[in-house]
């Protein structure tokens, strides 16, 4: 039994460029604005988002940008970075 992707209701994946596939995945993994506060500190979500962004830059031939995103993804996973607080949170209004 093979684990083939069912493309009967979709265009054949071969019709898409590698860049198009990577960009579609990047859009899927990007944190939507409505979920930002809930997911901004989720290490797995942030690492996935940055890893695919790095892949997109690599495919585009921009290795410096790819390295920056991949390093950030690694930093999320190894807990060396965290999400900063949102501007205005914790400050008192006059």
PDB file of N, CA and C in Angstrom:
ATOM      1  N   UNK A   1       0.845  -1.177   0.000  1.00  0.00           N
ATOM      2  CA  UNK A   1       0.000   0.000   0.000  1.00  0.00           C
ATOM      3  C   UNK A   1       0.893   1.245   0.000  1.00  0.00           C
ATOM      4  N   UNK A   2       0.628   2.157  -0.912  1.00  0.00           N
ATOM      5  CA  UNK A   2       1.440   3.373  -0.991  1.00  0.00           C
ATOM      6  C   UNK A   2       0.756   4.513  -0.269  1.00  0.00           C
ATOM      7  N   UNK A   3       1.561   5.429   0.219  1.00  0.00           N
ATOM      8  CA  UNK A   3       1.062   6.629   0.898  1.00  0.00           C
ATOM      9  C   UNK A   3       1.123   7.798  -0.066  1.00  0.00           C
ATOM     10  N   UNK A   4       0.358   7.752  -1.112  1.00  0.00           N
ATOM     11  CA  UNK A   4       0.352   8.785  -2.119  1.00  0.00           C
ATOM     12  C   UNK A   4      -0.651   9.875  -1.757  1.00  0.00           C
ATOM     13  N   UNK A   5      -0.305  11.112  -2.058  1.00  0.00           N
ATOM     14  CA  UNK A   5      -1.210  12.227  -1.814  1.00  0.00           C
ATOM     15  C   UNK A   5      -2.349  12.144  -2.828  1.00  0.00           C
ATOM     16  N   UNK A   6      -3.580  12.234  -2.354  1.00  0.00           N
ATOM     17  CA  UNK A   6      -4.740  12.203  -3.241  1.00  0.00           C
ATOM     18  C   UNK A   6      -4.871  13.561  -3.915  1.00  0.00           C
ATOM     19  N   UNK A   7      -4.642  13.593  -5.216  1.00  0.00           N
ATOM     20  CA  UNK A   7      -4.740  14.847  -5.955  1.00  0.00           C
ATOM     21  C   UNK A   7      -5.932  14.841  -6.896  1.00  0.00           C
ATOM     22  N   UNK A   8      -6.876  13.940  -6.681  1.00  0.00           N
ATOM     23  CA  UNK A   8      -8.018  13.839  -7.589  1.00  0.00           C
ATOM     24  C   UNK A   8      -8.844  15.125  -7.625  1.00  0.00           C
ATOM     25  N   UNK A   9      -8.899  15.864  -6.537  1.00  0.00           N
ATOM     26  CA  UNK A   9      -9.664  17.112  -6.499  1.00  0.00           C
ATOM     27  C   UNK A   9      -8.774  18.346  -6.579  1.00  0.00           C
ATOM     28  N   UNK A  10      -7.520  18.170  -6.824  1.00  0.00           N
ATOM     29  CA  UNK A  10      -6.560  19.269  -6.865  1.00  0.00           C
ATOM     30  C   UNK A  10      -5.696  19.150  -8.116  1.00  0.00           C
ATOM     31  N   UNK A  11      -5.105  20.281  -8.496  1.00  0.00           N
ATOM     32  CA  UNK A  11      -4.136  20.218  -9.591  1.00  0.00           C
ATOM     33  C   UNK A  11      -3.011  19.299  -9.187  1.00  0.00           C
ATOM     34  N   UNK A  12      -2.457  18.623 -10.140  1.00  0.00           N
ATOM     35  CA  UNK A  12      -1.305  17.771  -9.873  1.00  0.00           C
ATOM     36  C   UNK A  12      -0.178  18.631  -9.311  1.00  0.00           C
ATOM     37  N   UNK A  13       0.432  18.171  -8.238  1.00  0.00           N
ATOM     38  CA  UNK A  13       1.501  18.948  -7.596  1.00  0.00           C
ATOM     39  C   UNK A  13       2.647  19.262  -8.554  1.00  0.00           C
ATOM     40  N   UNK A  14       2.817  18.451  -9.575  1.00  0.00           N
ATOM     41  CA  UNK A  14       3.884  18.700 -10.555  1.00  0.00           C
ATOM     42  C   UNK A  14       3.654  19.988 -11.334  1.00  0.00           C
ATOM     43  N   UNK A  15       2.442  20.483 -11.338  1.00  0.00           N
ATOM     44  CA  UNK A  15       2.132  21.715 -12.069  1.00  0.00           C
ATOM     45  C   UNK A  15       2.603  22.962 -11.323  1.00  0.00           C
ATOM     46  N   UNK A  16       2.970  22.813 -10.060  1.00  0.00           N
ATOM     47  CA  UNK A  16       3.435  23.935  -9.252  1.00  0.00           C
ATOM     48  C   UNK A  16       4.952  23.949  -9.209  1.00  0.00           C
ATOM     49  N   UNK A  17       5.525  25.140  -9.182  1.00  0.00           N
ATOM     50  CA  UNK A  17       6.974  25.241  -9.011  1.00  0.00           C
ATOM     51  C   UNK A  17       7.316  24.981  -7.545  1.00  0.00           C
ATOM     52  N   UNK A  18       8.562  24.684  -7.297  1.00  0.00           N
ATOM     53  CA  UNK A  18       9.023  24.485  -5.927  1.00  0.00           C
ATOM     54  C   UNK A  18       8.767  25.736  -5.096  1.00  0.00           C
ATOM     55  N   UNK A  19       9.027  26.898  -5.687  1.00  0.00           N
ATOM     56  CA  UNK A  19       8.796  28.156  -4.975  1.00  0.00           C
ATOM     57  C   UNK A  19       7.315  28.328  -4.638  1.00  0.00           C
ATOM     58  N   UNK A  20       6.430  28.030  -5.577  1.00  0.00           N
ATOM     59  CA  UNK A  20       4.996  28.156  -5.316  1.00  0.00           C
ATOM     60  C   UNK A  20       4.553  27.239  -4.174  1.00  0.00           C
ATOM     61  N   UNK A  21       5.062  26.020  -4.157  1.00  0.00           N
ATOM     62  CA  UNK A  21       4.713  25.086  -3.086  1.00  0.00           C
ATOM     63  C   UNK A  21       5.219  25.589  -1.741  1.00  0.00           C
ATOM     64  N   UNK A  22       6.469  26.074  -1.717  1.00  0.00           N
ATOM     65  CA  UNK A  22       7.042  26.585  -0.467  1.00  0.00           C
ATOM     66  C   UNK A  22       6.279  27.814   0.011  1.00  0.00           C
ATOM     67  N   UNK A  23       5.911  28.705  -0.904  1.00  0.00           N
ATOM     68  CA  UNK A  23       5.165  29.908  -0.522  1.00  0.00           C
ATOM     69  C   UNK A  23       3.771  29.547  -0.008  1.00  0.00           C
ATOM     70  N   UNK A  24       3.141  28.548  -0.604  1.00  0.00           N
ATOM     71  CA  UNK A  24       1.826  28.108  -0.126  1.00  0.00           C
ATOM     72  C   UNK A  24       1.943  27.552   1.294  1.00  0.00           C
ATOM     73  N   UNK A  25       2.992  26.781   1.547  1.00  0.00           N
ATOM     74  CA  UNK A  25       3.204  26.241   2.882  1.00  0.00           C
ATOM     75  C   UNK A  25       3.517  27.364   3.873  1.00  0.00           C
ATOM     76  N   UNK A  26       4.287  28.353   3.436  1.00  0.00           N
ATOM     77  CA  UNK A  26       4.591  29.500   4.305  1.00  0.00           C
ATOM     78  C   UNK A  26       3.311  30.247   4.675  1.00  0.00           C
ATOM     79  N   UNK A  27       2.422  30.416   3.710  1.00  0.00           N
ATOM     80  CA  UNK A  27       1.138  31.071   4.003  1.00  0.00           C
ATOM     81  C   UNK A  27       0.328  30.244   4.994  1.00  0.00           C
ATOM     82  N   UNK A  28       0.343  28.946   4.828  1.00  0.00           N
ATOM     83  CA  UNK A  28      -0.416  28.057   5.717  1.00  0.00           C
ATOM     84  C   UNK A  28       0.125  28.101   7.136  1.00  0.00           C
ATOM     85  N   UNK A  29       1.461  28.204   7.290  1.00  0.00           N
ATOM     86  CA  UNK A  29       2.092  28.149   8.604  1.00  0.00           C
ATOM     87  C   UNK A  29       2.251  29.511   9.274  1.00  0.00           C
ATOM     88  N   UNK A  30       1.998  30.586   8.549  1.00  0.00           N
ATOM     89  CA  UNK A  30       2.109  31.926   9.133  1.00  0.00           C
ATOM     90  C   UNK A  30       1.035  32.107  10.202  1.00  0.00           C
ATOM     91  N   UNK A  31       1.401  32.759  11.278  1.00  0.00           N
ATOM     92  CA  UNK A  31       0.440  33.008  12.352  1.00  0.00           C
ATOM     93  C   UNK A  31      -0.526  34.096  11.883  1.00  0.00           C
ATOM     94  N   UNK A  32      -1.812  33.777  11.826  1.00  0.00           N
ATOM     95  CA  UNK A  32      -2.788  34.810  11.440  1.00  0.00           C
ATOM     96  C   UNK A  32      -2.859  35.900  12.504  1.00  0.00           C
ATOM     97  N   UNK A  33      -3.130  37.106  12.081  1.00  0.00           N
ATOM     98  CA  UNK A  33      -3.188  38.246  13.009  1.00  0.00           C
ATOM     99  C   UNK A  33      -4.151  37.981  14.169  1.00  0.00           C
ATOM    100  N   UNK A  34      -5.272  37.333  13.878  1.00  0.00           N
ATOM    101  CA  UNK A  34      -6.271  37.073  14.933  1.00  0.00           C
ATOM    102  C   UNK A  34      -5.764  36.100  15.989  1.00  0.00           C
ATOM    103  N   UNK A  35      -4.741  35.309  15.662  1.00  0.00           N
ATOM    104  CA  UNK A  35      -4.191  34.321  16.595  1.00  0.00           C
ATOM    105  C   UNK A  35      -2.834  34.733  17.169  1.00  0.00           C
ATOM    106  N   UNK A  36      -2.376  35.935  16.817  1.00  0.00           N
ATOM    107  CA  UNK A  36      -1.020  36.341  17.188  1.00  0.00           C
ATOM    108  C   UNK A  36      -0.779  36.275  18.697  1.00  0.00           C
ATOM    109  N   UNK A  37      -1.662  36.863  19.496  1.00  0.00           N
ATOM    110  CA  UNK A  37      -1.442  36.877  20.943  1.00  0.00           C
ATOM    111  C   UNK A  37      -1.425  35.464  21.524  1.00  0.00           C
ATOM    112  N   UNK A  38      -2.259  34.603  20.999  1.00  0.00           N
ATOM    113  CA  UNK A  38      -2.349  33.239  21.519  1.00  0.00           C
ATOM    114  C   UNK A  38      -1.125  32.400  21.135  1.00  0.00           C
ATOM    115  N   UNK A  39      -0.561  32.642  19.954  1.00  0.00           N
ATOM    116  CA  UNK A  39       0.502  31.773  19.442  1.00  0.00           C
ATOM    117  C   UNK A  39       1.895  32.391  19.432  1.00  0.00           C
ATOM    118  N   UNK A  40       2.025  33.668  19.775  1.00  0.00           N
ATOM    119  CA  UNK A  40       3.321  34.347  19.631  1.00  0.00           C
ATOM    120  C   UNK A  40       4.437  33.723  20.465  1.00  0.00           C
ATOM    121  N   UNK A  41       4.098  33.018  21.523  1.00  0.00           N
ATOM    122  CA  UNK A  41       5.114  32.385  22.365  1.00  0.00           C
ATOM    123  C   UNK A  41       5.191  30.874  22.172  1.00  0.00           C
ATOM    124  N   UNK A  42       4.431  30.338  21.231  1.00  0.00           N
ATOM    125  CA  UNK A  42       4.444  28.901  20.957  1.00  0.00           C
ATOM    126  C   UNK A  42       5.693  28.572  20.154  1.00  0.00           C
ATOM    127  N   UNK A  43       6.639  27.912  20.789  1.00  0.00           N
ATOM    128  CA  UNK A  43       7.941  27.649  20.170  1.00  0.00           C
ATOM    129  C   UNK A  43       7.845  26.822  18.893  1.00  0.00           C
ATOM    130  N   UNK A  44       6.999  25.821  18.897  1.00  0.00           N
ATOM    131  CA  UNK A  44       6.854  24.972  17.703  1.00  0.00           C
ATOM    132  C   UNK A  44       6.293  25.779  16.534  1.00  0.00           C
ATOM    133  N   UNK A  45       5.259  26.561  16.806  1.00  0.00           N
ATOM    134  CA  UNK A  45       4.627  27.361  15.761  1.00  0.00           C
ATOM    135  C   UNK A  45       5.608  28.386  15.202  1.00  0.00           C
ATOM    136  N   UNK A  46       6.324  29.067  16.086  1.00  0.00           N
ATOM    137  CA  UNK A  46       7.282  30.074  15.622  1.00  0.00           C
ATOM    138  C   UNK A  46       8.423  29.442  14.832  1.00  0.00           C
ATOM    139  N   UNK A  47       8.926  28.287  15.295  1.00  0.00           N
ATOM    140  CA  UNK A  47      10.010  27.609  14.583  1.00  0.00           C
ATOM    141  C   UNK A  47       9.553  27.141  13.206  1.00  0.00           C
ATOM    142  N   UNK A  48       8.340  26.609  13.110  1.00  0.00           N
ATOM    143  CA  UNK A  48       7.814  26.180  11.809  1.00  0.00           C
ATOM    144  C   UNK A  48       7.687  27.361  10.854  1.00  0.00           C
ATOM    145  N   UNK A  49       7.131  28.451  11.362  1.00  0.00           N
ATOM    146  CA  UNK A  49       6.942  29.648  10.542  1.00  0.00           C
ATOM    147  C   UNK A  49       8.279  30.169  10.005  1.00  0.00           C
ATOM    148  N   UNK A  50       9.271  30.225  10.872  1.00  0.00           N
ATOM    149  CA  UNK A  50      10.584  30.733  10.464  1.00  0.00           C
ATOM    150  C   UNK A  50      11.345  29.755   9.574  1.00  0.00           C
ATOM    151  N   UNK A  51      11.188  28.466   9.811  1.00  0.00           N
ATOM    152  CA  UNK A  51      11.876  27.465   8.993  1.00  0.00           C
ATOM    153  C   UNK A  51      11.384  27.515   7.550  1.00  0.00           C
ATOM    154  N   UNK A  52      10.083  27.563   7.354  1.00  0.00           N
ATOM    155  CA  UNK A  52       9.577  27.608   5.982  1.00  0.00           C
ATOM    156  C   UNK A  52       9.914  28.943   5.330  1.00  0.00           C
ATOM    157  N   UNK A  53       9.942  30.031   6.111  1.00  0.00           N
ATOM    158  CA  UNK A  53      10.371  31.321   5.556  1.00  0.00           C
ATOM    159  C   UNK A  53      11.820  31.217   5.085  1.00  0.00           C
ATOM    160  N   UNK A  54      12.653  30.548   5.880  1.00  0.00           N
ATOM    161  CA  UNK A  54      14.038  30.332   5.473  1.00  0.00           C
ATOM    162  C   UNK A  54      14.133  29.522   4.190  1.00  0.00           C
ATOM    163  N   UNK A  55      13.293  28.521   4.064  1.00  0.00           N
ATOM    164  CA  UNK A  55      13.278  27.696   2.854  1.00  0.00           C
ATOM    165  C   UNK A  55      12.885  28.524   1.634  1.00  0.00           C
ATOM    166  N   UNK A  56      11.892  29.384   1.794  1.00  0.00           N
ATOM    167  CA  UNK A  56      11.478  30.245   0.683  1.00  0.00           C
ATOM    168  C   UNK A  56      12.645  31.135   0.251  1.00  0.00           C
ATOM    169  N   UNK A  57      13.336  31.749   1.210  1.00  0.00           N
ATOM    170  CA  UNK A  57      14.485  32.592   0.861  1.00  0.00           C
ATOM    171  C   UNK A  57      15.591  31.775   0.195  1.00  0.00           C
ATOM    172  N   UNK A  58      15.814  30.566   0.659  1.00  0.00           N
ATOM    173  CA  UNK A  58      16.837  29.714   0.056  1.00  0.00           C
ATOM    174  C   UNK A  58      16.483  29.380  -1.388  1.00  0.00           C
ATOM    175  N   UNK A  59      15.240  29.032  -1.636  1.00  0.00           N
ATOM    176  CA  UNK A  59      14.792  28.735  -3.000  1.00  0.00           C
ATOM    177  C   UNK A  59      14.947  29.959  -3.896  1.00  0.00           C
ATOM    178  N   UNK A  60      14.726  31.145  -3.336  1.00  0.00           N
ATOM    179  CA  UNK A  60      14.855  32.388  -4.097  1.00  0.00           C
ATOM    180  C   UNK A  60      16.308  32.794  -4.311  1.00  0.00           C
ATOM    181  N   UNK A  61      17.237  32.023  -3.774  1.00  0.00           N
ATOM    182  CA  UNK A  61      18.653  32.349  -3.942  1.00  0.00           C
ATOM    183  C   UNK A  61      19.130  33.447  -3.024  1.00  0.00           C
ATOM    184  N   UNK A  62      18.519  33.561  -1.833  1.00  0.00           N
ATOM    185  CA  UNK A  62      18.903  34.568  -0.859  1.00  0.00           C
ATOM    186  C   UNK A  62      19.378  33.871   0.416  1.00  0.00           C
ATOM    187  N   UNK A  63      20.593  33.286   0.371  1.00  0.00           N
ATOM    188  CA  UNK A  63      21.063  32.498   1.507  1.00  0.00           C
ATOM    189  C   UNK A  63      21.238  33.282   2.801  1.00  0.00           C
ATOM    190  N   UNK A  64      21.602  34.557   2.725  1.00  0.00           N
ATOM    191  CA  UNK A  64      21.773  35.353   3.945  1.00  0.00           C
ATOM    192  C   UNK A  64      20.453  35.473   4.697  1.00  0.00           C
ATOM    193  N   UNK A  65      19.383  35.756   3.966  1.00  0.00           N
ATOM    194  CA  UNK A  65      18.058  35.845   4.584  1.00  0.00           C
ATOM    195  C   UNK A  65      17.608  34.480   5.097  1.00  0.00           C
ATOM    196  N   UNK A  66      17.924  33.423   4.347  1.00  0.00           N
ATOM    197  CA  UNK A  66      17.568  32.060   4.776  1.00  0.00           C
ATOM    198  C   UNK A  66      18.259  31.718   6.091  1.00  0.00           C
ATOM    199  N   UNK A  67      19.542  32.004   6.173  1.00  0.00           N
ATOM    200  CA  UNK A  67      20.307  31.704   7.392  1.00  0.00           C
ATOM    201  C   UNK A  67      19.719  32.445   8.591  1.00  0.00           C
ATOM    202  N   UNK A  68      19.371  33.723   8.399  1.00  0.00           N
ATOM    203  CA  UNK A  68      18.803  34.506   9.506  1.00  0.00           C
ATOM    204  C   UNK A  68      17.531  33.849  10.025  1.00  0.00           C
ATOM    205  N   UNK A  69      16.638  33.438   9.119  1.00  0.00           N
ATOM    206  CA  UNK A  69      15.374  32.805   9.547  1.00  0.00           C
ATOM    207  C   UNK A  69      15.621  31.451  10.202  1.00  0.00           C
ATOM    208  N   UNK A  70      16.527  30.666   9.630  1.00  0.00           N
ATOM    209  CA  UNK A  70      16.814  29.344  10.199  1.00  0.00           C
ATOM    210  C   UNK A  70      17.479  29.453  11.566  1.00  0.00           C
ATOM    211  N   UNK A  71      18.341  30.451  11.734  1.00  0.00           N
ATOM    212  CA  UNK A  71      18.944  30.676  13.054  1.00  0.00           C
ATOM    213  C   UNK A  71      17.885  31.072  14.076  1.00  0.00           C
ATOM    214  N   UNK A  72      16.948  31.918  13.680  1.00  0.00           N
ATOM    215  CA  UNK A  72      15.862  32.296  14.594  1.00  0.00           C
ATOM    216  C   UNK A  72      15.016  31.073  14.955  1.00  0.00           C
ATOM    217  N   UNK A  73      14.742  30.225  13.970  1.00  0.00           N
ATOM    218  CA  UNK A  73      13.967  29.006  14.240  1.00  0.00           C
ATOM    219  C   UNK A  73      14.688  28.138  15.264  1.00  0.00           C
ATOM    220  N   UNK A  74      15.990  27.983  15.092  1.00  0.00           N
ATOM    221  CA  UNK A  74      16.789  27.200  16.042  1.00  0.00           C
ATOM    222  C   UNK A  74      16.743  27.827  17.426  1.00  0.00           C
ATOM    223  N   UNK A  75      16.828  29.149  17.473  1.00  0.00           N
ATOM    224  CA  UNK A  75      16.784  29.848  18.763  1.00  0.00           C
ATOM    225  C   UNK A  75      15.446  29.650  19.475  1.00  0.00           C
ATOM    226  N   UNK A  76      14.355  29.584  18.729  1.00  0.00           N
ATOM    227  CA  UNK A  76      13.064  29.292  19.352  1.00  0.00           C
ATOM    228  C   UNK A  76      13.070  27.888  19.938  1.00  0.00           C
ATOM    229  N   UNK A  77      13.614  26.954  19.187  1.00  0.00           N
ATOM    230  CA  UNK A  77      13.609  25.557  19.642  1.00  0.00           C
ATOM    231  C   UNK A  77      14.518  25.331  20.841  1.00  0.00           C
ATOM    232  N   UNK A  78      15.668  26.001  20.867  1.00  0.00           N
ATOM    233  CA  UNK A  78      16.590  25.780  21.995  1.00  0.00           C
ATOM    234  C   UNK A  78      16.325  26.741  23.155  1.00  0.00           C
ATOM    235  N   UNK A  79      15.239  27.502  23.041  1.00  0.00           N
ATOM    236  CA  UNK A  79      14.779  28.411  24.092  1.00  0.00           C
ATOM    237  C   UNK A  79      15.727  29.578  24.369  1.00  0.00           C
ATOM    238  N   UNK A  80      16.562  29.932  23.407  1.00  0.00           N
ATOM    239  CA  UNK A  80      17.463  31.055  23.621  1.00  0.00           C
ATOM    240  C   UNK A  80      16.808  32.405  23.297  1.00  0.00           C
ATOM    241  N   UNK A  81      15.616  32.386  22.697  1.00  0.00           N
ATOM    242  CA  UNK A  81      14.851  33.615  22.507  1.00  0.00           C
ATOM    243  C   UNK A  81      13.403  33.377  22.944  1.00  0.00           C
ATOM    244  N   UNK A  82      12.735  34.465  23.240  1.00  0.00           N
ATOM    245  CA  UNK A  82      11.321  34.431  23.620  1.00  0.00           C
ATOM    246  C   UNK A  82      10.629  35.620  22.984  1.00  0.00           C
ATOM    247  N   UNK A  83       9.325  35.558  22.942  1.00  0.00           N
ATOM    248  CA  UNK A  83       8.549  36.664  22.385  1.00  0.00           C
ATOM    249  C   UNK A  83       8.590  37.850  23.340  1.00  0.00           C
ATOM    250  N   UNK A  84       8.855  39.044  22.825  1.00  0.00           N
ATOM    251  CA  UNK A  84       8.805  40.223  23.692  1.00  0.00           C
ATOM    252  C   UNK A  84       7.351  40.534  24.023  1.00  0.00           C
ATOM    253  N   UNK A  85       7.121  41.259  25.106  1.00  0.00           N
ATOM    254  CA  UNK A  85       5.740  41.639  25.415  1.00  0.00           C
ATOM    255  C   UNK A  85       5.203  42.578  24.342  1.00  0.00           C
ATOM    256  N   UNK A  86       3.910  42.575  24.167  1.00  0.00           N
ATOM    257  CA  UNK A  86       3.289  43.465  23.195  1.00  0.00           C
ATOM    258  C   UNK A  86       3.420  44.902  23.677  1.00  0.00           C
ATOM    259  N   UNK A  87       3.620  45.851  22.761  1.00  0.00           N
ATOM    260  CA  UNK A  87       3.693  47.254  23.161  1.00  0.00           C
ATOM    261  C   UNK A  87       2.413  47.658  23.888  1.00  0.00           C
ATOM    262  N   UNK A  88       2.561  48.363  24.960  1.00  0.00           N
ATOM    263  CA  UNK A  88       1.408  48.831  25.712  1.00  0.00           C
ATOM    264  C   UNK A  88       0.936  47.892  26.791  1.00  0.00           C
ATOM    265  N   UNK A  89       1.294  46.614  26.711  1.00  0.00           N
ATOM    266  CA  UNK A  89       0.884  45.686  27.765  1.00  0.00           C
ATOM    267  C   UNK A  89       1.705  45.958  29.014  1.00  0.00           C
ATOM    268  N   UNK A  90       1.045  46.044  30.105  1.00  0.00           N
ATOM    269  CA  UNK A  90       1.729  46.284  31.372  1.00  0.00           C
ATOM    270  C   UNK A  90       1.917  47.744  31.692  1.00  0.00           C
ATOM    271  N   UNK A  91       1.714  48.606  30.696  1.00  0.00           N
ATOM    272  CA  UNK A  91       1.848  50.044  30.985  1.00  0.00           C
ATOM    273  C   UNK A  91       0.483  50.582  31.386  1.00  0.00           C
ATOM    274  N   UNK A  92       0.509  51.579  32.222  1.00  0.00           N
ATOM    275  CA  UNK A  92      -0.746  52.158  32.697  1.00  0.00           C
ATOM    276  C   UNK A  92      -1.159  53.300  31.778  1.00  0.00           C
ATOM    277  N   UNK A  93      -2.465  53.370  31.522  1.00  0.00           N
ATOM    278  CA  UNK A  93      -2.992  54.473  30.722  1.00  0.00           C
ATOM    279  C   UNK A  93      -3.267  55.665  31.619  1.00  0.00           C
ATOM    280  N   UNK A  94      -3.044  56.835  31.083  1.00  0.00           N
ATOM    281  CA  UNK A  94      -3.314  58.064  31.842  1.00  0.00           C
ATOM    282  C   UNK A  94      -4.758  58.446  31.767  1.00  0.00           C
TER     283      UNK A  94
END
